[in-house]
Structure formats: structure tokens, C-alpha cells
C-alpha atoms as a PDB file:
ATOM      1  CA  MET A   1      51.508  51.539 -22.779  1.00  0.00           C
ATOM      2  CA  SER A   2      49.717  51.991 -26.093  1.00  0.00           C
ATOM      3  CA  ILE A   3      45.961  51.693 -26.418  1.00  0.00           C
ATOM      4  CA  LYS A   4      46.504  48.555 -28.483  1.00  0.00           C
ATOM      5  CA  ASN A   5      48.537  46.942 -25.711  1.00  0.00           C
ATOM      6  CA  ILE A   6      45.993  47.985 -23.062  1.00  0.00           C
ATOM      7  CA  LEU A   7      43.178  46.441 -25.086  1.00  0.00           C
ATOM      8  CA  LEU A   8      45.199  43.267 -25.669  1.00  0.00           C
ATOM      9  CA  THR A   9      46.031  42.980 -21.980  1.00  0.00           C
ATOM     10  CA  GLY A  10      42.382  43.512 -21.053  1.00  0.00           C
ATOM     11  CA  LEU A  11      41.215  40.851 -23.480  1.00  0.00           C
ATOM     12  CA  CYS A  12      43.772  38.347 -22.170  1.00  0.00           C
ATOM     13  CA  THR A  13      42.773  39.083 -18.562  1.00  0.00           C
ATOM     14  CA  ALA A  14      39.068  38.627 -19.405  1.00  0.00           C
ATOM     15  CA  ALA A  15      39.766  35.370 -21.189  1.00  0.00           C
ATOM     16  CA  LEU A  16      41.825  34.070 -18.270  1.00  0.00           C
ATOM     17  CA  PHE A  17      39.095  35.104 -15.797  1.00  0.00           C
ATOM     18  CA  THR A  18      36.381  33.410 -17.903  1.00  0.00           C
ATOM     19  CA  THR A  19      38.439  30.226 -18.177  1.00  0.00           C
ATOM     20  CA  THR A  20      39.082  30.164 -14.422  1.00  0.00           C
ATOM     21  CA  VAL A  21      35.408  30.700 -13.594  1.00  0.00           C
ATOM     22  CA  THR A  22      34.355  27.996 -16.047  1.00  0.00           C
ATOM     23  CA  GLN A  23      36.880  25.521 -14.647  1.00  0.00           C
ATOM     24  CA  THR A  24      35.766  26.303 -11.087  1.00  0.00           C
ATOM     25  CA  ALA A  25      32.102  25.832 -12.029  1.00  0.00           C
ATOM     26  CA  ARG A  26      32.892  22.516 -13.665  1.00  0.00           C
ATOM     27  CA  ALA A  27      34.910  21.446 -10.625  1.00  0.00           C
ATOM     28  CA  ASP A  28      31.912  22.193  -8.404  1.00  0.00           C
ATOM     29  CA  THR A  29      29.470  20.255 -10.577  1.00  0.00           C
ATOM     30  CA  TRP A  30      28.827  16.577  -9.852  1.00  0.00           C
ATOM     31  CA  GLN A  31      26.983  14.281 -12.231  1.00  0.00           C
ATOM     32  CA  LEU A  32      24.864  11.297 -11.304  1.00  0.00           C
ATOM     33  CA  ASP A  33      26.460   8.062 -12.506  1.00  0.00           C
ATOM     34  CA  SER A  34      23.453   6.248 -13.995  1.00  0.00           C
ATOM     35  CA  GLU A  35      25.290   2.938 -14.423  1.00  0.00           C
ATOM     36  CA  SER A  36      26.176   2.861 -10.702  1.00  0.00           C
ATOM     37  CA  SER A  37      22.775   4.037  -9.435  1.00  0.00           C
ATOM     38  CA  VAL A  38      19.532   2.181  -8.761  1.00  0.00           C
ATOM     39  CA  LEU A  39      16.011   3.102  -7.681  1.00  0.00           C
ATOM     40  CA  ASN A  40      13.376   0.528  -6.690  1.00  0.00           C
ATOM     41  CA  PHE A  41       9.803   0.798  -5.487  1.00  0.00           C
ATOM     42  CA  VAL A  42       7.423  -1.792  -4.090  1.00  0.00           C
ATOM     43  CA  SER A  43       3.748  -2.314  -4.856  1.00  0.00           C
ATOM     44  CA  VAL A  44       1.590  -4.384  -2.540  1.00  0.00           C
ATOM     45  CA  LYS A  45      -1.548  -6.028  -3.894  1.00  0.00           C
ATOM     46  CA  ASN A  46      -4.308  -7.899  -2.072  1.00  0.00           C
ATOM     47  CA  ASP A  47      -2.685  -6.900   1.261  1.00  0.00           C
ATOM     48  CA  HIS A  48       0.145  -9.458   1.220  1.00  0.00           C
ATOM     49  CA  VAL A  49       1.689  -9.805  -2.275  1.00  0.00           C
ATOM     50  CA  ALA A  50       4.645  -7.426  -2.630  1.00  0.00           C
ATOM     51  CA  GLU A  51       6.447  -6.886  -5.947  1.00  0.00           C
ATOM     52  CA  THR A  52       9.592  -4.854  -6.574  1.00  0.00           C
ATOM     53  CA  HIS A  53       9.851  -2.591  -9.611  1.00  0.00           C
ATOM     54  CA  ARG A  54      12.572  -0.240 -10.800  1.00  0.00           C
ATOM     55  CA  PHE A  55      13.543   2.570 -13.145  1.00  0.00           C
ATOM     56  CA  THR A  56      16.532   1.726 -15.313  1.00  0.00           C
ATOM     57  CA  ASP A  57      17.541   5.283 -16.194  1.00  0.00           C
ATOM     58  CA  LEU A  58      18.422   7.914 -13.584  1.00  0.00           C
ATOM     59  CA  GLN A  59      19.849  11.314 -14.492  1.00  0.00           C
ATOM     60  CA  GLY A  60      20.938  14.162 -12.298  1.00  0.00           C
ATOM     61  CA  SER A  61      23.439  16.692 -11.028  1.00  0.00           C
ATOM     62  CA  TRP A  62      24.688  18.231  -7.784  1.00  0.00           C
ATOM     63  CA  GLU A  63      25.844  21.839  -7.803  1.00  0.00           C
ATOM     64  CA  ASP A  64      25.875  24.714  -5.293  1.00  0.00           C
ATOM     65  CA  ASN A  65      24.112  22.732  -2.543  1.00  0.00           C
ATOM     66  CA  GLN A  66      21.361  21.738  -4.964  1.00  0.00           C
ATOM     67  CA  VAL A  67      20.724  18.179  -6.098  1.00  0.00           C
ATOM     68  CA  SER A  68      18.407  17.555  -9.042  1.00  0.00           C
ATOM     69  CA  ILE A  69      17.399  14.094 -10.255  1.00  0.00           C
ATOM     70  CA  GLU A  70      15.275  13.248 -13.305  1.00  0.00           C
ATOM     71  CA  ILE A  71      13.811   9.817 -13.980  1.00  0.00           C
ATOM     72  CA  PRO A  72      12.430   9.223 -17.486  1.00  0.00           C
ATOM     73  CA  VAL A  73       9.233   7.291 -16.796  1.00  0.00           C
ATOM     74  CA  VAL A  74       9.656   5.177 -19.943  1.00  0.00           C
ATOM     75  CA  SER A  75      12.558   3.470 -18.163  1.00  0.00           C
ATOM     76  CA  LEU A  76      10.014   1.781 -15.857  1.00  0.00           C
ATOM     77  CA  ASP A  77      10.704  -1.952 -15.513  1.00  0.00           C
ATOM     78  CA  THR A  78       8.177  -4.148 -13.722  1.00  0.00           C
ATOM     79  CA  GLN A  79       9.331  -7.342 -15.454  1.00  0.00           C
ATOM     80  CA  ILE A  80       5.943  -7.536 -17.232  1.00  0.00           C
ATOM     81  CA  PRO A  81       5.692  -5.473 -20.482  1.00  0.00           C
ATOM     82  CA  ILE A  82       1.884  -5.087 -20.441  1.00  0.00           C
ATOM     83  CA  ARG A  83       2.023  -3.916 -16.831  1.00  0.00           C
ATOM     84  CA  ASN A  84       4.681  -1.363 -17.816  1.00  0.00           C
ATOM     85  CA  GLU A  85       2.320  -0.041 -20.495  1.00  0.00           C
ATOM     86  CA  ARG A  86      -0.645   0.144 -18.121  1.00  0.00           C
ATOM     87  CA  MET A  87       1.306   1.919 -15.408  1.00  0.00           C
ATOM     88  CA  LEU A  88       2.761   4.415 -17.853  1.00  0.00           C
ATOM     89  CA  GLU A  89      -0.702   5.193 -19.209  1.00  0.00           C
ATOM     90  CA  HIS A  90      -2.882   5.181 -16.122  1.00  0.00           C
ATOM     91  CA  LEU A  91      -0.478   6.025 -13.303  1.00  0.00           C
ATOM     92  CA  PHE A  92       2.401   8.106 -14.652  1.00  0.00           C
ATOM     93  CA  GLN A  93       0.467   9.586 -17.619  1.00  0.00           C
ATOM     94  CA  SER A  94       3.650   9.357 -19.628  1.00  0.00           C
ATOM     95  CA  THR A  95       2.339  11.039 -22.766  1.00  0.00           C
ATOM     96  CA  GLU A  96       1.902  14.251 -20.773  1.00  0.00           C
ATOM     97  CA  TYR A  97       4.541  13.876 -18.047  1.00  0.00           C
ATOM     98  CA  SER A  98       7.748  12.298 -19.302  1.00  0.00           C
ATOM     99  CA  VAL A  99       9.818  12.497 -16.116  1.00  0.00           C
ATOM    100  CA  VAL A 100       9.603  12.109 -12.368  1.00  0.00           C
ATOM    101  CA  THR A 101      11.857  14.631 -10.625  1.00  0.00           C
ATOM    102  CA  ALA A 102      13.297  15.078  -7.153  1.00  0.00           C
ATOM    103  CA  THR A 103      15.263  18.067  -5.871  1.00  0.00           C
ATOM    104  CA  ALA A 104      16.955  18.683  -2.533  1.00  0.00           C
ATOM    105  CA  LYS A 105      19.420  20.947  -0.768  1.00  0.00           C
ATOM    106  CA  LEU A 106      22.551  19.461   0.803  1.00  0.00           C
ATOM    107  CA  GLU A 107      25.160  20.898   3.161  1.00  0.00           C
ATOM    108  CA  ASP A 108      28.106  21.008   0.772  1.00  0.00           C
ATOM    109  CA  ASP A 109      30.600  22.173   3.399  1.00  0.00           C
ATOM    110  CA  VAL A 110      30.059  19.125   5.578  1.00  0.00           C
ATOM    111  CA  LEU A 111      30.188  16.635   2.739  1.00  0.00           C
ATOM    112  CA  MET A 112      33.182  18.172   0.989  1.00  0.00           C
ATOM    113  CA  ALA A 113      35.156  18.070   4.238  1.00  0.00           C
ATOM    114  CA  MET A 114      34.767  14.268   4.424  1.00  0.00           C
ATOM    115  CA  SER A 115      37.814  12.097   3.945  1.00  0.00           C
ATOM    116  CA  ILE A 116      37.761   9.129   1.575  1.00  0.00           C
ATOM    117  CA  GLY A 117      35.961   6.270   3.303  1.00  0.00           C
ATOM    118  CA  ASP A 118      34.043   8.544   5.693  1.00  0.00           C
ATOM    119  CA  SER A 119      30.303   8.016   5.994  1.00  0.00           C
ATOM    120  CA  VAL A 120      27.634  10.202   7.610  1.00  0.00           C
ATOM    121  CA  PRO A 121      23.864   9.885   8.124  1.00  0.00           C
ATOM    122  CA  ILE A 122      21.773  12.814   6.911  1.00  0.00           C
ATOM    123  CA  ALA A 123      18.080  13.691   6.773  1.00  0.00           C
ATOM    124  CA  VAL A 124      16.990  15.315   3.501  1.00  0.00           C
ATOM    125  CA  GLU A 125      13.710  16.890   2.455  1.00  0.00           C
ATOM    126  CA  LEU A 126      12.970  15.941  -1.139  1.00  0.00           C
ATOM    127  CA  ASP A 127      10.691  17.981  -3.396  1.00  0.00           C
ATOM    128  CA  VAL A 128       9.196  15.214  -5.537  1.00  0.00           C
ATOM    129  CA  TYR A 129       7.217  15.783  -8.737  1.00  0.00           C
ATOM    130  CA  ILE A 130       5.080  12.973 -10.195  1.00  0.00           C
ATOM    131  CA  ALA A 131       2.519  13.334 -12.990  1.00  0.00           C
ATOM    132  CA  GLY A 132       1.846  17.001 -12.402  1.00  0.00           C
ATOM    133  CA  GLU A 133       1.826  16.951  -8.600  1.00  0.00           C
ATOM    134  CA  SER A 134       4.631  18.115  -6.278  1.00  0.00           C
ATOM    135  CA  GLU A 135       5.064  17.245  -2.593  1.00  0.00           C
ATOM    136  CA  ASN A 136       7.791  17.382   0.062  1.00  0.00           C
ATOM    137  CA  VAL A 137       8.909  13.957   1.224  1.00  0.00           C
ATOM    138  CA  SER A 138      11.297  13.094   4.054  1.00  0.00           C
ATOM    139  CA  SER A 139      14.258  10.819   3.380  1.00  0.00           C
ATOM    140  CA  TYR A 140      17.057   9.397   5.526  1.00  0.00           C
ATOM    141  CA  LEU A 141      20.346   8.674   3.815  1.00  0.00           C
ATOM    142  CA  GLN A 142      23.838   7.412   4.435  1.00  0.00           C
ATOM    143  CA  VAL A 143      26.406   9.390   2.423  1.00  0.00           C
ATOM    144  CA  THR A 144      29.866   7.914   1.849  1.00  0.00           C
ATOM    145  CA  ARG A 145      32.850   9.469   0.123  1.00  0.00           C
ATOM    146  CA  LEU A 146      34.130   6.634  -2.056  1.00  0.00           C
ATOM    147  CA  ALA A 147      36.938   8.695  -3.649  1.00  0.00           C
ATOM    148  CA  THR A 148      38.030  12.291  -4.108  1.00  0.00           C
ATOM    149  CA  ASP A 149      35.688  12.520  -7.078  1.00  0.00           C
ATOM    150  CA  ARG A 150      32.886  10.134  -6.053  1.00  0.00           C
ATOM    151  CA  PHE A 151      30.084  10.083  -3.440  1.00  0.00           C
ATOM    152  CA  LEU A 152      27.496   7.382  -2.669  1.00  0.00           C
ATOM    153  CA  ALA A 153      24.101   8.167  -1.129  1.00  0.00           C
ATOM    154  CA  THR A 154      21.864   5.277  -0.015  1.00  0.00           C
ATOM    155  CA  THR A 155      18.513   5.249   1.715  1.00  0.00           C
ATOM    156  CA  THR A 156      18.688   3.870   5.280  1.00  0.00           C
ATOM    157  CA  GLN A 157      14.912   3.431   5.347  1.00  0.00           C
ATOM    158  CA  PRO A 158      12.315   3.444   2.567  1.00  0.00           C
ATOM    159  CA  VAL A 159      10.995   6.759   1.337  1.00  0.00           C
ATOM    160  CA  ILE A 160       7.200   6.496   1.459  1.00  0.00           C
ATOM    161  CA  ILE A 161       5.294   7.949  -1.480  1.00  0.00           C
ATOM    162  CA  ASP A 162       1.655   8.593  -0.567  1.00  0.00           C
ATOM    163  CA  ALA A 163      -0.498   8.089  -3.666  1.00  0.00           C
ATOM    164  CA  LYS A 164      -3.237  10.287  -2.196  1.00  0.00           C
ATOM    165  CA  ALA A 165      -0.843  13.251  -1.777  1.00  0.00           C
ATOM    166  CA  PHE A 166       0.247  12.942  -5.416  1.00  0.00           C
ATOM    167  CA  ASN A 167      -3.285  12.492  -6.747  1.00  0.00           C
ATOM    168  CA  LEU A 168      -2.465   8.974  -7.997  1.00  0.00           C
ATOM    169  CA  VAL A 169      -5.418   7.162  -6.424  1.00  0.00           C
ATOM    170  CA  ALA A 170      -7.531   7.150  -9.568  1.00  0.00           C
ATOM    171  CA  GLY A 171      -4.660   5.645 -11.537  1.00  0.00           C
ATOM    172  CA  ILE A 172      -4.028   2.933  -8.951  1.00  0.00           C
ATOM    173  CA  ASP A 173      -7.720   2.110  -8.803  1.00  0.00           C
ATOM    174  CA  LYS A 174      -7.789   1.789 -12.601  1.00  0.00           C
ATOM    175  CA  LEU A 175      -4.815  -0.600 -12.493  1.00  0.00           C
ATOM    176  CA  ARG A 176      -6.546  -2.619  -9.754  1.00  0.00           C
ATOM    177  CA  GLU A 177      -9.711  -2.819 -11.858  1.00  0.00           C
ATOM    178  CA  ILE A 178      -7.869  -3.917 -15.002  1.00  0.00           C
ATOM    179  CA  ALA A 179      -5.905  -6.574 -13.113  1.00  0.00           C
ATOM    180  CA  GLY A 180      -8.992  -7.852 -11.243  1.00  0.00           C
ATOM    181  CA  LEU A 181      -7.455  -7.230  -7.839  1.00  0.00           C
ATOM    182  CA  SER A 182      -9.273  -6.489  -4.609  1.00  0.00           C
ATOM    183  CA  ARG A 183      -6.691  -3.973  -3.399  1.00  0.00           C
ATOM    184  CA  ILE A 184      -3.447  -2.161  -4.248  1.00  0.00           C
ATOM    185  CA  ASP A 185      -1.846  -0.182  -1.413  1.00  0.00           C
ATOM    186  CA  TYR A 186      -1.729   3.591  -1.739  1.00  0.00           C
ATOM    187  CA  SER A 187       1.574   3.814   0.175  1.00  0.00           C
ATOM    188  CA  VAL A 188       4.583   2.993  -1.976  1.00  0.00           C
ATOM    189  CA  PRO A 189       8.031   2.383  -0.387  1.00  0.00           C
ATOM    190  CA  VAL A 190      10.966   3.636  -2.463  1.00  0.00           C
ATOM    191  CA  THR A 191      14.653   2.844  -1.971  1.00  0.00           C
ATOM    192  CA  PHE A 192      17.633   4.100  -3.920  1.00  0.00           C
ATOM    193  CA  SER A 193      21.404   4.036  -4.073  1.00  0.00           C
ATOM    194  CA  VAL A 194      22.939   6.795  -6.208  1.00  0.00           C
ATOM    195  CA  GLN A 195      26.505   7.794  -6.974  1.00  0.00           C
ATOM    196  CA  PHE A 196      27.738  11.231  -7.999  1.00  0.00           C
ATOM    197  CA  THR A 197      31.079  11.791  -9.697  1.00  0.00           C
ATOM    198  CA  GLN A 198      33.046  14.668 -11.136  1.00  0.00           C
END
């Protein structure tokens, strides 16, 4: 075989290998479906008045046992525009920290072996980052395989965010002062339902 043919064969083999690796990587990458996903959190003021808020934009991926979710804080929706502005400024410090993030490791082998319609409970440790502070938070989920290319993960109990652990107390106190409230709870329950698709 001539040197030219050897080089040509080598280039074709390399191109085929690169294409195969790329396709495999893409096949193993799952994207969060923002339109089919929701995240809510509850604030409790004056000990007995609970209000539900949400983020309207969730982004994320799942690849190689690693799940990463980003929440642009400007997608905060409390149903009251001035309250959105105050929370973004005093609580989330949105000019400096534009996203809330959560990362976790999942057992891919178990989940990928599920048949369509199967559902399993799992406990997941989340590494949550809010306004410059990162903490590990426990979560309990139900994961369902909706289709060959779609999974659903839903909280089976609220994930509790401790404002003290995330250094958010000063921000909550400022919001309480502005609103003329006697108290806003420092424990914030969070629930979510997210879908990942290929």
C-alpha cells in the first residue's frame, strides 16, 4: 500500500472514530426540558401566612452520572413585581450572582436499566449554590422513565433550604423590615418536578 493510501486510510479511520465518539457522547447527554419542568418554594411570614413562589426558567444537563441545574434568578416570579425586585436585590444579590445552581451524582446504571413506566425512589445529595454560598442538601425523589428518551424526577418531600446555612438571614431580615412584618421564616421548603430528554 502506498504512503498516500496509508495516510488516507488513517484519516478516514480517525474521522470515523471521532464521529462515533461524538455520537456516543451526545447519546449519553440528557438535557433538562424547561417547558416541562417546575420549581416552587414557599415563604412563611408572621408564622402562619404561607406564599408559593417559583422560578420560570430552569436549565440543566445530565451526563456521566452528573446532573447540573442552573436557575437564572431573574426568572423569579412571586406574583408581585416589587417583591421580585426586592428579593433579587436583597436576597439573591442578582447583580453579583446571576444563577442558583444545584449539582448531584446519580446511579446511571440503575436508571438506564429501567423500563418505560418504571418508577423508583432515590435519595440524592444536592450541592446547592445560592448567592455565593454552597451547601449540601438532602433530597428525596421519585424517578420515572416516561419514554426511551425521557425521565421525570419529582420531589417526594420538600427540600428544606436553611437561610442561616446559606448566609441569607440578613437579606430576609431586610425584606421583613421593608414589608413591615414581624417575622419571615428562615427555613424555606422547595419542591420541583423536572424532566430530562435526549
